[in-house]
């Protein structure tokens, strides 16, 4: 896998976390800073986890003409890559939301 994809994915997670945190300041001003950061940081990992689970479901339920061993390998690879990107999105979202929240706290 190309490392550029990982860098771009992390940068997008940071930007999405910062953007959602800024949006939540205007939409939900009564929420605490901690709640806004947690909400903003958890959106992209939730989307990534759902997409990973849907991919695993697609592989496990469909008949693709491959053997059981190849299907298990595809599920393991998708779970590993999807889990890694979910974790990366969570960390990037927290960084972006924290930086956006820190700039607004002044």
N, C-alpha and C. Protein backbone atom coordinates (compact mmCIF):
# COMPACT_ATOMS: atom_id res chain seq x y z
N UNK A 1 0.84 -1.17 0.00
CA UNK A 1 0.00 0.00 0.00
C UNK A 1 0.90 1.24 0.00
N UNK A 2 0.47 2.22 -0.71
CA UNK A 2 1.22 3.46 -0.83
C UNK A 2 1.02 4.30 0.44
N UNK A 3 2.11 4.82 1.00
CA UNK A 3 2.02 5.61 2.24
C UNK A 3 1.37 6.97 2.02
N UNK A 4 1.27 7.39 0.77
CA UNK A 4 0.60 8.65 0.48
C UNK A 4 -0.87 8.57 0.85
N UNK A 5 -1.47 7.41 0.64
CA UNK A 5 -2.88 7.22 0.99
C UNK A 5 -3.09 7.38 2.49
N UNK A 6 -2.17 6.86 3.28
CA UNK A 6 -2.27 6.98 4.73
C UNK A 6 -2.15 8.45 5.15
N UNK A 7 -1.21 9.16 4.57
CA UNK A 7 -1.04 10.59 4.89
C UNK A 7 -2.24 11.42 4.50
N UNK A 8 -2.78 11.15 3.33
CA UNK A 8 -3.97 11.89 2.89
C UNK A 8 -5.16 11.55 3.77
N UNK A 9 -5.32 10.29 4.14
CA UNK A 9 -6.41 9.89 5.03
C UNK A 9 -6.31 10.56 6.39
N UNK A 10 -5.10 10.65 6.92
CA UNK A 10 -4.91 11.31 8.22
C UNK A 10 -5.21 12.80 8.11
N UNK A 11 -4.73 13.43 7.05
CA UNK A 11 -4.99 14.87 6.87
C UNK A 11 -6.48 15.15 6.72
N UNK A 12 -7.18 14.30 5.99
CA UNK A 12 -8.63 14.47 5.86
C UNK A 12 -9.36 14.27 7.19
N UNK A 13 -8.87 13.34 8.00
CA UNK A 13 -9.48 13.13 9.32
C UNK A 13 -9.28 14.36 10.21
N UNK A 14 -8.09 14.94 10.15
CA UNK A 14 -7.83 16.15 10.94
C UNK A 14 -8.74 17.29 10.48
N UNK A 15 -8.84 17.47 9.17
CA UNK A 15 -9.68 18.55 8.64
C UNK A 15 -11.16 18.32 8.96
N UNK A 16 -11.62 17.09 8.87
CA UNK A 16 -13.02 16.83 9.17
C UNK A 16 -13.31 17.04 10.65
N UNK A 17 -12.39 16.62 11.52
CA UNK A 17 -12.58 16.85 12.95
C UNK A 17 -12.63 18.33 13.28
N UNK A 18 -11.73 19.11 12.67
CA UNK A 18 -11.72 20.56 12.92
C UNK A 18 -12.97 21.22 12.36
N UNK A 19 -13.38 20.82 11.17
CA UNK A 19 -14.58 21.40 10.57
C UNK A 19 -15.84 21.09 11.35
N UNK A 20 -15.97 19.85 11.79
CA UNK A 20 -17.16 19.49 12.57
C UNK A 20 -17.17 20.16 13.94
N UNK A 21 -15.99 20.31 14.54
CA UNK A 21 -15.93 21.01 15.83
C UNK A 21 -16.35 22.47 15.66
N UNK A 22 -15.92 23.10 14.59
CA UNK A 22 -16.32 24.49 14.33
C UNK A 22 -17.82 24.59 14.03
N UNK A 23 -18.34 23.61 13.32
CA UNK A 23 -19.77 23.60 13.03
C UNK A 23 -20.59 23.39 14.29
N UNK A 24 -20.13 22.53 15.17
CA UNK A 24 -20.86 22.27 16.41
C UNK A 24 -20.87 23.47 17.35
N UNK A 25 -19.86 24.34 17.24
CA UNK A 25 -19.86 25.56 18.06
C UNK A 25 -21.05 26.44 17.70
N UNK A 26 -21.37 26.50 16.41
CA UNK A 26 -22.48 27.35 15.99
C UNK A 26 -23.83 26.64 16.13
N UNK A 27 -23.86 25.34 15.93
CA UNK A 27 -25.13 24.61 15.99
C UNK A 27 -25.52 24.29 17.42
N UNK A 28 -24.59 23.88 18.23
CA UNK A 28 -24.84 23.50 19.62
C UNK A 28 -23.95 24.29 20.59
N UNK A 29 -24.18 25.58 20.76
CA UNK A 29 -23.31 26.36 21.64
C UNK A 29 -23.46 25.98 23.12
N UNK A 30 -24.57 25.35 23.50
CA UNK A 30 -24.79 24.99 24.89
C UNK A 30 -23.98 23.76 25.31
N UNK A 31 -23.45 23.01 24.36
CA UNK A 31 -22.64 21.83 24.69
C UNK A 31 -21.29 22.27 25.23
N UNK A 32 -20.71 21.44 26.08
CA UNK A 32 -19.38 21.73 26.61
C UNK A 32 -18.33 21.48 25.51
N UNK A 33 -17.15 22.01 25.73
CA UNK A 33 -16.07 21.85 24.75
C UNK A 33 -15.72 20.37 24.61
N UNK A 34 -15.69 19.66 25.71
CA UNK A 34 -15.36 18.23 25.67
C UNK A 34 -16.38 17.45 24.85
N UNK A 35 -17.65 17.75 25.03
CA UNK A 35 -18.70 17.05 24.28
C UNK A 35 -18.61 17.34 22.78
N UNK A 36 -18.31 18.60 22.44
CA UNK A 36 -18.17 18.95 21.02
C UNK A 36 -16.97 18.25 20.40
N UNK A 37 -15.86 18.18 21.13
CA UNK A 37 -14.66 17.51 20.61
C UNK A 37 -14.93 16.02 20.42
N UNK A 38 -15.55 15.38 21.39
CA UNK A 38 -15.85 13.95 21.28
C UNK A 38 -16.82 13.67 20.14
N UNK A 39 -17.82 14.52 19.99
CA UNK A 39 -18.79 14.32 18.90
C UNK A 39 -18.14 14.53 17.53
N UNK A 40 -17.34 15.57 17.42
CA UNK A 40 -16.69 15.85 16.13
C UNK A 40 -15.68 14.78 15.76
N UNK A 41 -14.98 14.27 16.77
CA UNK A 41 -13.94 13.28 16.49
C UNK A 41 -14.51 11.89 16.21
N UNK A 42 -15.73 11.62 16.60
CA UNK A 42 -16.27 10.27 16.45
C UNK A 42 -17.08 10.05 15.17
N UNK A 43 -17.34 11.08 14.40
CA UNK A 43 -18.18 10.92 13.20
C UNK A 43 -17.45 10.11 12.13
N UNK A 44 -16.26 10.51 11.75
CA UNK A 44 -15.54 9.82 10.68
C UNK A 44 -15.17 8.38 11.05
N UNK A 45 -14.73 8.10 12.29
CA UNK A 45 -14.48 6.69 12.63
C UNK A 45 -15.75 5.84 12.58
N UNK A 46 -16.89 6.41 12.93
CA UNK A 46 -18.14 5.66 12.85
C UNK A 46 -18.48 5.32 11.39
N UNK A 47 -18.30 6.28 10.51
CA UNK A 47 -18.55 6.04 9.08
C UNK A 47 -17.59 4.98 8.54
N UNK A 48 -16.32 5.06 8.93
CA UNK A 48 -15.33 4.09 8.48
C UNK A 48 -15.62 2.69 9.01
N UNK A 49 -16.03 2.60 10.27
CA UNK A 49 -16.36 1.29 10.85
C UNK A 49 -17.57 0.67 10.16
N UNK A 50 -18.58 1.48 9.88
CA UNK A 50 -19.77 0.96 9.19
C UNK A 50 -19.40 0.49 7.78
N UNK A 51 -18.57 1.25 7.07
CA UNK A 51 -18.15 0.85 5.73
C UNK A 51 -17.34 -0.45 5.77
N UNK A 52 -16.50 -0.60 6.79
CA UNK A 52 -15.73 -1.84 6.94
C UNK A 52 -16.65 -3.02 7.20
N UNK A 53 -17.62 -2.84 8.09
CA UNK A 53 -18.56 -3.92 8.40
C UNK A 53 -19.41 -4.29 7.19
N UNK A 54 -19.81 -3.29 6.41
CA UNK A 54 -20.57 -3.58 5.19
C UNK A 54 -19.72 -4.34 4.17
N UNK A 55 -18.46 -4.00 4.07
CA UNK A 55 -17.55 -4.73 3.18
C UNK A 55 -17.36 -6.17 3.61
N UNK A 56 -17.21 -6.38 4.91
CA UNK A 56 -17.08 -7.74 5.43
C UNK A 56 -18.36 -8.53 5.18
N UNK A 57 -19.49 -7.88 5.38
CA UNK A 57 -20.78 -8.54 5.13
C UNK A 57 -20.93 -8.90 3.66
N UNK A 58 -20.50 -8.02 2.77
CA UNK A 58 -20.55 -8.29 1.33
C UNK A 58 -19.69 -9.49 0.96
N UNK A 59 -18.50 -9.55 1.53
CA UNK A 59 -17.60 -10.66 1.22
C UNK A 59 -18.14 -11.98 1.77
N UNK A 60 -18.66 -11.95 2.99
CA UNK A 60 -19.07 -13.20 3.62
C UNK A 60 -20.39 -13.75 3.08
N UNK A 61 -21.27 -12.89 2.57
CA UNK A 61 -22.57 -13.38 2.10
C UNK A 61 -22.61 -13.68 0.61
N UNK A 62 -21.72 -13.11 -0.15
CA UNK A 62 -21.77 -13.29 -1.60
C UNK A 62 -21.01 -14.52 -2.07
N UNK A 63 -21.38 -15.01 -3.21
CA UNK A 63 -20.67 -16.12 -3.86
C UNK A 63 -19.80 -15.53 -4.95
N UNK A 64 -18.50 -15.48 -4.69
CA UNK A 64 -17.57 -14.83 -5.61
C UNK A 64 -16.72 -15.82 -6.39
N UNK A 65 -17.00 -17.09 -6.26
CA UNK A 65 -16.26 -18.09 -7.01
C UNK A 65 -14.92 -18.45 -6.40
N UNK A 66 -14.67 -18.05 -5.18
CA UNK A 66 -13.42 -18.37 -4.50
C UNK A 66 -13.69 -19.38 -3.40
N UNK A 67 -12.64 -19.99 -2.92
CA UNK A 67 -12.76 -20.96 -1.84
C UNK A 67 -12.93 -20.29 -0.50
N UNK A 68 -13.22 -21.11 0.51
CA UNK A 68 -13.43 -20.60 1.86
C UNK A 68 -12.16 -19.96 2.42
N UNK A 69 -11.03 -20.52 2.08
CA UNK A 69 -9.76 -19.99 2.60
C UNK A 69 -9.49 -18.58 2.05
N UNK A 70 -9.77 -18.37 0.79
CA UNK A 70 -9.56 -17.05 0.19
C UNK A 70 -10.56 -16.04 0.76
N UNK A 71 -11.76 -16.49 1.02
CA UNK A 71 -12.77 -15.61 1.63
C UNK A 71 -12.33 -15.19 3.03
N UNK A 72 -11.80 -16.12 3.81
CA UNK A 72 -11.31 -15.79 5.15
C UNK A 72 -10.14 -14.81 5.09
N UNK A 73 -9.28 -15.00 4.10
CA UNK A 73 -8.14 -14.09 3.93
C UNK A 73 -8.62 -12.68 3.57
N UNK A 74 -9.61 -12.59 2.70
CA UNK A 74 -10.15 -11.28 2.30
C UNK A 74 -10.82 -10.59 3.48
N UNK A 75 -11.54 -11.34 4.29
CA UNK A 75 -12.20 -10.76 5.47
C UNK A 75 -11.16 -10.27 6.47
N UNK A 76 -10.12 -11.07 6.69
CA UNK A 76 -9.06 -10.66 7.62
C UNK A 76 -8.34 -9.41 7.13
N UNK A 77 -8.06 -9.35 5.84
CA UNK A 77 -7.37 -8.18 5.29
C UNK A 77 -8.25 -6.93 5.39
N UNK A 78 -9.52 -7.07 5.07
CA UNK A 78 -10.43 -5.93 5.15
C UNK A 78 -10.62 -5.47 6.59
N UNK A 79 -10.71 -6.40 7.51
CA UNK A 79 -10.85 -6.02 8.92
C UNK A 79 -9.60 -5.32 9.43
N UNK A 80 -8.44 -5.77 9.02
CA UNK A 80 -7.18 -5.15 9.46
C UNK A 80 -7.04 -3.74 8.89
N UNK A 81 -7.25 -3.62 7.60
CA UNK A 81 -7.11 -2.30 6.96
C UNK A 81 -8.20 -1.35 7.44
N UNK A 82 -9.43 -1.83 7.52
CA UNK A 82 -10.52 -0.98 8.00
C UNK A 82 -10.35 -0.57 9.44
N UNK A 83 -9.89 -1.49 10.27
CA UNK A 83 -9.63 -1.15 11.68
C UNK A 83 -8.51 -0.13 11.82
N UNK A 84 -7.48 -0.28 11.01
CA UNK A 84 -6.38 0.69 11.05
C UNK A 84 -6.82 2.08 10.62
N UNK A 85 -7.61 2.15 9.56
CA UNK A 85 -8.10 3.44 9.11
C UNK A 85 -9.11 4.04 10.09
N UNK A 86 -9.88 3.19 10.77
CA UNK A 86 -10.81 3.68 11.80
C UNK A 86 -10.04 4.29 12.97
N UNK A 87 -9.01 3.61 13.41
CA UNK A 87 -8.18 4.13 14.49
C UNK A 87 -7.48 5.42 14.07
N UNK A 88 -6.97 5.46 12.85
CA UNK A 88 -6.31 6.66 12.35
C UNK A 88 -7.30 7.82 12.25
N UNK A 89 -8.53 7.54 11.83
CA UNK A 89 -9.55 8.59 11.74
C UNK A 89 -9.90 9.12 13.13
N UNK A 90 -9.92 8.23 14.11
CA UNK A 90 -10.22 8.66 15.48
C UNK A 90 -9.14 9.59 16.02
N UNK A 91 -7.89 9.19 15.84
CA UNK A 91 -6.78 10.02 16.32
C UNK A 91 -6.74 11.35 15.57
N UNK A 92 -6.86 11.31 14.25
CA UNK A 92 -6.85 12.54 13.46
C UNK A 92 -8.02 13.45 13.79
N UNK A 93 -9.19 12.85 14.01
CA UNK A 93 -10.36 13.64 14.38
C UNK A 93 -10.18 14.32 15.73
N UNK A 94 -9.59 13.61 16.68
CA UNK A 94 -9.33 14.22 17.99
C UNK A 94 -8.34 15.37 17.87
N UNK A 95 -7.31 15.20 17.08
CA UNK A 95 -6.32 16.27 16.91
C UNK A 95 -6.98 17.49 16.27
N UNK A 96 -7.72 17.27 15.20
CA UNK A 96 -8.37 18.40 14.52
C UNK A 96 -9.40 19.09 15.38
N UNK A 97 -10.21 18.31 16.08
CA UNK A 97 -11.25 18.92 16.93
C UNK A 97 -10.63 19.65 18.11
N UNK A 98 -9.56 19.11 18.66
CA UNK A 98 -8.91 19.77 19.79
C UNK A 98 -8.27 21.08 19.37
N UNK A 99 -7.64 21.09 18.22
CA UNK A 99 -7.02 22.32 17.72
C UNK A 99 -8.08 23.36 17.40
N UNK A 100 -9.20 22.94 16.80
CA UNK A 100 -10.27 23.89 16.49
C UNK A 100 -10.92 24.40 17.77
N UNK A 101 -11.09 23.53 18.75
CA UNK A 101 -11.68 23.96 20.02
C UNK A 101 -10.77 24.88 20.80
N UNK A 102 -9.47 24.66 20.70
CA UNK A 102 -8.51 25.52 21.40
C UNK A 102 -8.50 26.92 20.81
N UNK A 103 -8.63 27.01 19.50
CA UNK A 103 -8.63 28.32 18.84
C UNK A 103 -9.89 29.11 19.16
N UNK A 104 -11.00 28.44 19.39
CA UNK A 104 -12.26 29.12 19.69
C UNK A 104 -12.42 29.47 21.16
N UNK A 105 -11.62 28.84 22.03
CA UNK A 105 -11.79 29.03 23.46
C UNK A 105 -11.35 30.42 23.91
N UNK A 106 -10.59 31.12 23.12
CA UNK A 106 -10.06 32.43 23.53
C UNK A 106 -11.12 33.50 23.55
